[in-house]
PDB file of N, CA and C in Angstrom:
ATOM      1  N   UNK A   1       1.465  -5.385  30.208  1.00  0.00           N
ATOM      2  CA  UNK A   1       2.616  -5.945  29.517  1.00  0.00           C
ATOM      3  C   UNK A   1       2.200  -6.585  28.196  1.00  0.00           C
ATOM      4  N   UNK A   2       1.095  -7.333  28.226  1.00  0.00           N
ATOM      5  CA  UNK A   2       0.668  -7.989  26.990  1.00  0.00           C
ATOM      6  C   UNK A   2       0.142  -6.999  25.968  1.00  0.00           C
ATOM      7  N   UNK A   3      -0.450  -5.915  26.436  1.00  0.00           N
ATOM      8  CA  UNK A   3      -0.923  -4.918  25.479  1.00  0.00           C
ATOM      9  C   UNK A   3       0.249  -4.260  24.754  1.00  0.00           C
ATOM     10  N   UNK A   4       1.349  -4.075  25.446  1.00  0.00           N
ATOM     11  CA  UNK A   4       2.539  -3.513  24.817  1.00  0.00           C
ATOM     12  C   UNK A   4       3.071  -4.465  23.753  1.00  0.00           C
ATOM     13  N   UNK A   5       3.088  -5.752  24.056  1.00  0.00           N
ATOM     14  CA  UNK A   5       3.544  -6.740  23.078  1.00  0.00           C
ATOM     15  C   UNK A   5       2.605  -6.803  21.877  1.00  0.00           C
ATOM     16  N   UNK A   6       1.304  -6.721  22.124  1.00  0.00           N
ATOM     17  CA  UNK A   6       0.342  -6.744  21.027  1.00  0.00           C
ATOM     18  C   UNK A   6       0.531  -5.532  20.122  1.00  0.00           C
ATOM     19  N   UNK A   7       0.723  -4.368  20.718  1.00  0.00           N
ATOM     20  CA  UNK A   7       0.931  -3.154  19.942  1.00  0.00           C
ATOM     21  C   UNK A   7       2.200  -3.242  19.108  1.00  0.00           C
ATOM     22  N   UNK A   8       3.257  -3.769  19.701  1.00  0.00           N
ATOM     23  CA  UNK A   8       4.517  -3.910  18.970  1.00  0.00           C
ATOM     24  C   UNK A   8       4.358  -4.892  17.810  1.00  0.00           C
ATOM     25  N   UNK A   9       3.631  -5.981  18.028  1.00  0.00           N
ATOM     26  CA  UNK A   9       3.416  -6.962  16.966  1.00  0.00           C
ATOM     27  C   UNK A   9       2.594  -6.365  15.834  1.00  0.00           C
ATOM     28  N   UNK A  10       1.616  -5.542  16.135  1.00  0.00           N
ATOM     29  CA  UNK A  10       0.804  -4.902  15.104  1.00  0.00           C
ATOM     30  C   UNK A  10       1.628  -3.911  14.295  1.00  0.00           C
ATOM     31  N   UNK A  11       2.563  -3.236  14.932  1.00  0.00           N
ATOM     32  CA  UNK A  11       3.393  -2.271  14.227  1.00  0.00           C
ATOM     33  C   UNK A  11       4.374  -2.964  13.276  1.00  0.00           C
ATOM     34  N   UNK A  12       4.791  -4.181  13.602  1.00  0.00           N
ATOM     35  CA  UNK A  12       5.754  -4.901  12.780  1.00  0.00           C
ATOM     36  C   UNK A  12       5.091  -5.719  11.675  1.00  0.00           C
ATOM     37  N   UNK A  13       3.772  -5.820  11.701  1.00  0.00           N
ATOM     38  CA  UNK A  13       3.046  -6.626  10.731  1.00  0.00           C
ATOM     39  C   UNK A  13       3.071  -5.954   9.369  1.00  0.00           C
ATOM     40  N   UNK A  14       3.254  -6.754   8.319  1.00  0.00           N
ATOM     41  CA  UNK A  14       3.207  -6.222   6.960  1.00  0.00           C
ATOM     42  C   UNK A  14       1.768  -6.285   6.450  1.00  0.00           C
ATOM     43  N   UNK A  15       1.374  -5.366   5.604  1.00  0.00           N
ATOM     44  CA  UNK A  15       0.008  -5.379   5.076  1.00  0.00           C
ATOM     45  C   UNK A  15      -0.240  -6.609   4.201  1.00  0.00           C
ATOM     46  N   UNK A  16      -1.447  -7.128   4.261  1.00  0.00           N
ATOM     47  CA  UNK A  16      -1.796  -8.291   3.449  1.00  0.00           C
ATOM     48  C   UNK A  16      -1.972  -7.868   1.995  1.00  0.00           C
ATOM     49  N   UNK A  17      -2.104  -8.845   1.131  1.00  0.00           N
ATOM     50  CA  UNK A  17      -2.287  -8.567  -0.289  1.00  0.00           C
ATOM     51  C   UNK A  17      -3.569  -7.776  -0.521  1.00  0.00           C
ATOM     52  N   UNK A  18      -4.627  -8.118   0.174  1.00  0.00           N
ATOM     53  CA  UNK A  18      -5.902  -7.411   0.010  1.00  0.00           C
ATOM     54  C   UNK A  18      -5.760  -5.956   0.454  1.00  0.00           C
ATOM     55  N   UNK A  19      -5.070  -5.717   1.549  1.00  0.00           N
ATOM     56  CA  UNK A  19      -4.865  -4.344   2.020  1.00  0.00           C
ATOM     57  C   UNK A  19      -4.029  -3.534   1.031  1.00  0.00           C
ATOM     58  N   UNK A  20      -3.004  -4.164   0.458  1.00  0.00           N
ATOM     59  CA  UNK A  20      -2.185  -3.461  -0.529  1.00  0.00           C
ATOM     60  C   UNK A  20      -2.974  -3.158  -1.792  1.00  0.00           C
ATOM     61  N   UNK A  21      -3.824  -4.105  -2.222  1.00  0.00           N
ATOM     62  CA  UNK A  21      -4.641  -3.869  -3.404  1.00  0.00           C
ATOM     63  C   UNK A  21      -5.625  -2.730  -3.177  1.00  0.00           C
ATOM     64  N   UNK A  22      -6.260  -2.688  -2.007  1.00  0.00           N
ATOM     65  CA  UNK A  22      -7.215  -1.622  -1.714  1.00  0.00           C
ATOM     66  C   UNK A  22      -6.516  -0.266  -1.660  1.00  0.00           C
ATOM     67  N   UNK A  23      -5.334  -0.216  -1.075  1.00  0.00           N
ATOM     68  CA  UNK A  23      -4.584   1.040  -1.032  1.00  0.00           C
ATOM     69  C   UNK A  23      -4.217   1.499  -2.439  1.00  0.00           C
ATOM     70  N   UNK A  24      -3.849   0.560  -3.298  1.00  0.00           N
ATOM     71  CA  UNK A  24      -3.514   0.878  -4.691  1.00  0.00           C
ATOM     72  C   UNK A  24      -4.737   1.423  -5.422  1.00  0.00           C
ATOM     73  N   UNK A  25      -5.885   0.795  -5.228  1.00  0.00           N
ATOM     74  CA  UNK A  25      -7.103   1.259  -5.891  1.00  0.00           C
ATOM     75  C   UNK A  25      -7.566   2.605  -5.353  1.00  0.00           C
ATOM     76  N   UNK A  26      -7.382   2.839  -4.071  1.00  0.00           N
ATOM     77  CA  UNK A  26      -7.819   4.097  -3.463  1.00  0.00           C
ATOM     78  C   UNK A  26      -7.003   5.298  -3.940  1.00  0.00           C
ATOM     79  N   UNK A  27      -5.845   5.060  -4.524  1.00  0.00           N
ATOM     80  CA  UNK A  27      -5.010   6.151  -5.026  1.00  0.00           C
ATOM     81  C   UNK A  27      -5.418   6.621  -6.417  1.00  0.00           C
ATOM     82  N   UNK A  28      -6.418   5.974  -7.019  1.00  0.00           N
ATOM     83  CA  UNK A  28      -6.853   6.343  -8.376  1.00  0.00           C
ATOM     84  C   UNK A  28      -7.402   7.767  -8.382  1.00  0.00           C
ATOM     85  N   UNK A  29      -7.043   8.501  -9.411  1.00  0.00           N
ATOM     86  CA  UNK A  29      -7.465   9.893  -9.508  1.00  0.00           C
ATOM     87  C   UNK A  29      -8.823  10.078 -10.154  1.00  0.00           C
ATOM     88  N   UNK A  30      -9.162   9.203 -11.100  1.00  0.00           N
ATOM     89  CA  UNK A  30     -10.455   9.298 -11.761  1.00  0.00           C
ATOM     90  C   UNK A  30     -10.916   7.901 -12.171  1.00  0.00           C
ATOM     91  N   UNK A  31     -12.042   7.858 -12.855  1.00  0.00           N
ATOM     92  CA  UNK A  31     -12.648   6.581 -13.222  1.00  0.00           C
ATOM     93  C   UNK A  31     -11.754   5.793 -14.165  1.00  0.00           C
ATOM     94  N   UNK A  32     -11.105   6.462 -15.097  1.00  0.00           N
ATOM     95  CA  UNK A  32     -10.263   5.778 -16.075  1.00  0.00           C
ATOM     96  C   UNK A  32      -8.999   5.218 -15.423  1.00  0.00           C
ATOM     97  N   UNK A  33      -8.462   5.964 -14.497  1.00  0.00           N
ATOM     98  CA  UNK A  33      -7.304   5.483 -13.736  1.00  0.00           C
ATOM     99  C   UNK A  33      -7.698   4.268 -12.897  1.00  0.00           C
ATOM    100  N   UNK A  34      -8.879   4.309 -12.305  1.00  0.00           N
ATOM    101  CA  UNK A  34      -9.369   3.185 -11.511  1.00  0.00           C
ATOM    102  C   UNK A  34      -9.523   1.942 -12.375  1.00  0.00           C
ATOM    103  N   UNK A  35     -10.081   2.099 -13.564  1.00  0.00           N
ATOM    104  CA  UNK A  35     -10.243   0.956 -14.460  1.00  0.00           C
ATOM    105  C   UNK A  35      -8.893   0.377 -14.869  1.00  0.00           C
ATOM    106  N   UNK A  36      -7.926   1.229 -15.131  1.00  0.00           N
ATOM    107  CA  UNK A  36      -6.590   0.751 -15.496  1.00  0.00           C
ATOM    108  C   UNK A  36      -5.946   0.007 -14.333  1.00  0.00           C
ATOM    109  N   UNK A  37      -6.132   0.526 -13.126  1.00  0.00           N
ATOM    110  CA  UNK A  37      -5.578  -0.139 -11.950  1.00  0.00           C
ATOM    111  C   UNK A  37      -6.248  -1.481 -11.705  1.00  0.00           C
ATOM    112  N   UNK A  38      -7.550  -1.568 -11.947  1.00  0.00           N
ATOM    113  CA  UNK A  38      -8.248  -2.844 -11.799  1.00  0.00           C
ATOM    114  C   UNK A  38      -7.717  -3.869 -12.802  1.00  0.00           C
ATOM    115  N   UNK A  39      -7.460  -3.423 -14.028  1.00  0.00           N
ATOM    116  CA  UNK A  39      -6.878  -4.334 -15.028  1.00  0.00           C
ATOM    117  C   UNK A  39      -5.495  -4.798 -14.594  1.00  0.00           C
ATOM    118  N   UNK A  40      -4.695  -3.884 -14.060  1.00  0.00           N
ATOM    119  CA  UNK A  40      -3.360  -4.260 -13.596  1.00  0.00           C
ATOM    120  C   UNK A  40      -3.439  -5.292 -12.481  1.00  0.00           C
ATOM    121  N   UNK A  41      -4.379  -5.110 -11.570  1.00  0.00           N
ATOM    122  CA  UNK A  41      -4.515  -6.063 -10.474  1.00  0.00           C
ATOM    123  C   UNK A  41      -5.005  -7.418 -10.965  1.00  0.00           C
ATOM    124  N   UNK A  42      -5.889  -7.414 -11.944  1.00  0.00           N
ATOM    125  CA  UNK A  42      -6.384  -8.687 -12.467  1.00  0.00           C
ATOM    126  C   UNK A  42      -5.275  -9.458 -13.175  1.00  0.00           C
ATOM    127  N   UNK A  43      -4.276  -8.728 -13.646  1.00  0.00           N
ATOM    128  CA  UNK A  43      -3.109  -9.370 -14.274  1.00  0.00           C
ATOM    129  C   UNK A  43      -2.057  -9.775 -13.254  1.00  0.00           C
ATOM    130  N   UNK A  44      -2.270  -9.432 -11.985  1.00  0.00           N
ATOM    131  CA  UNK A  44      -1.337  -9.829 -10.941  1.00  0.00           C
ATOM    132  C   UNK A  44      -0.228  -8.834 -10.706  1.00  0.00           C
ATOM    133  N   UNK A  45      -0.508  -7.553 -10.796  1.00  0.00           N
ATOM    134  CA  UNK A  45       0.524  -6.525 -10.675  1.00  0.00           C
ATOM    135  C   UNK A  45       1.176  -6.510  -9.298  1.00  0.00           C
ATOM    136  N   UNK A  46       0.434  -6.725  -8.247  1.00  0.00           N
ATOM    137  CA  UNK A  46       1.001  -6.660  -6.899  1.00  0.00           C
ATOM    138  C   UNK A  46       1.385  -8.024  -6.344  1.00  0.00           C
ATOM    139  N   UNK A  47       0.956  -9.067  -6.993  1.00  0.00           N
ATOM    140  CA  UNK A  47       1.230 -10.405  -6.494  1.00  0.00           C
ATOM    141  C   UNK A  47       2.510 -10.933  -7.126  1.00  0.00           C
ATOM    142  N   UNK A  48       3.617 -10.648  -6.518  1.00  0.00           N
ATOM    143  CA  UNK A  48       4.927 -11.030  -7.062  1.00  0.00           C
ATOM    144  C   UNK A  48       5.222 -12.526  -6.901  1.00  0.00           C
ATOM    145  N   UNK A  49       4.542 -13.203  -5.994  1.00  0.00           N
ATOM    146  CA  UNK A  49       4.849 -14.611  -5.713  1.00  0.00           C
ATOM    147  C   UNK A  49       4.119 -15.573  -6.646  1.00  0.00           C
ATOM    148  N   UNK A  50       3.265 -15.072  -7.502  1.00  0.00           N
ATOM    149  CA  UNK A  50       2.478 -15.928  -8.369  1.00  0.00           C
ATOM    150  C   UNK A  50       3.343 -16.465  -9.509  1.00  0.00           C
ATOM    151  N   UNK A  51       3.244 -17.754  -9.770  1.00  0.00           N
ATOM    152  CA  UNK A  51       3.976 -18.362 -10.868  1.00  0.00           C
ATOM    153  C   UNK A  51       3.210 -18.132 -12.154  1.00  0.00           C
ATOM    154  N   UNK A  52       3.857 -17.590 -13.151  1.00  0.00           N
ATOM    155  CA  UNK A  52       3.208 -17.298 -14.421  1.00  0.00           C
ATOM    156  C   UNK A  52       3.481 -18.363 -15.471  1.00  0.00           C
ATOM    157  N   UNK A  53       4.243 -19.358 -15.151  1.00  0.00           N
ATOM    158  CA  UNK A  53       4.591 -20.394 -16.119  1.00  0.00           C
ATOM    159  C   UNK A  53       3.816 -21.652 -15.877  1.00  0.00           C
TER     160      UNK A  53
END
């Protein structure tokens, strides 16, 4: 019973910021695309909750 609940909880979990960043970087097609994606992440492209003011 508890294993079923654990599995259901894992399926409903949203990916963390680090997991989303790694998935974004892994989609790069070449070295230049990877560098551009790294710059976007350093500027906070995926972190929508960050205050910029």
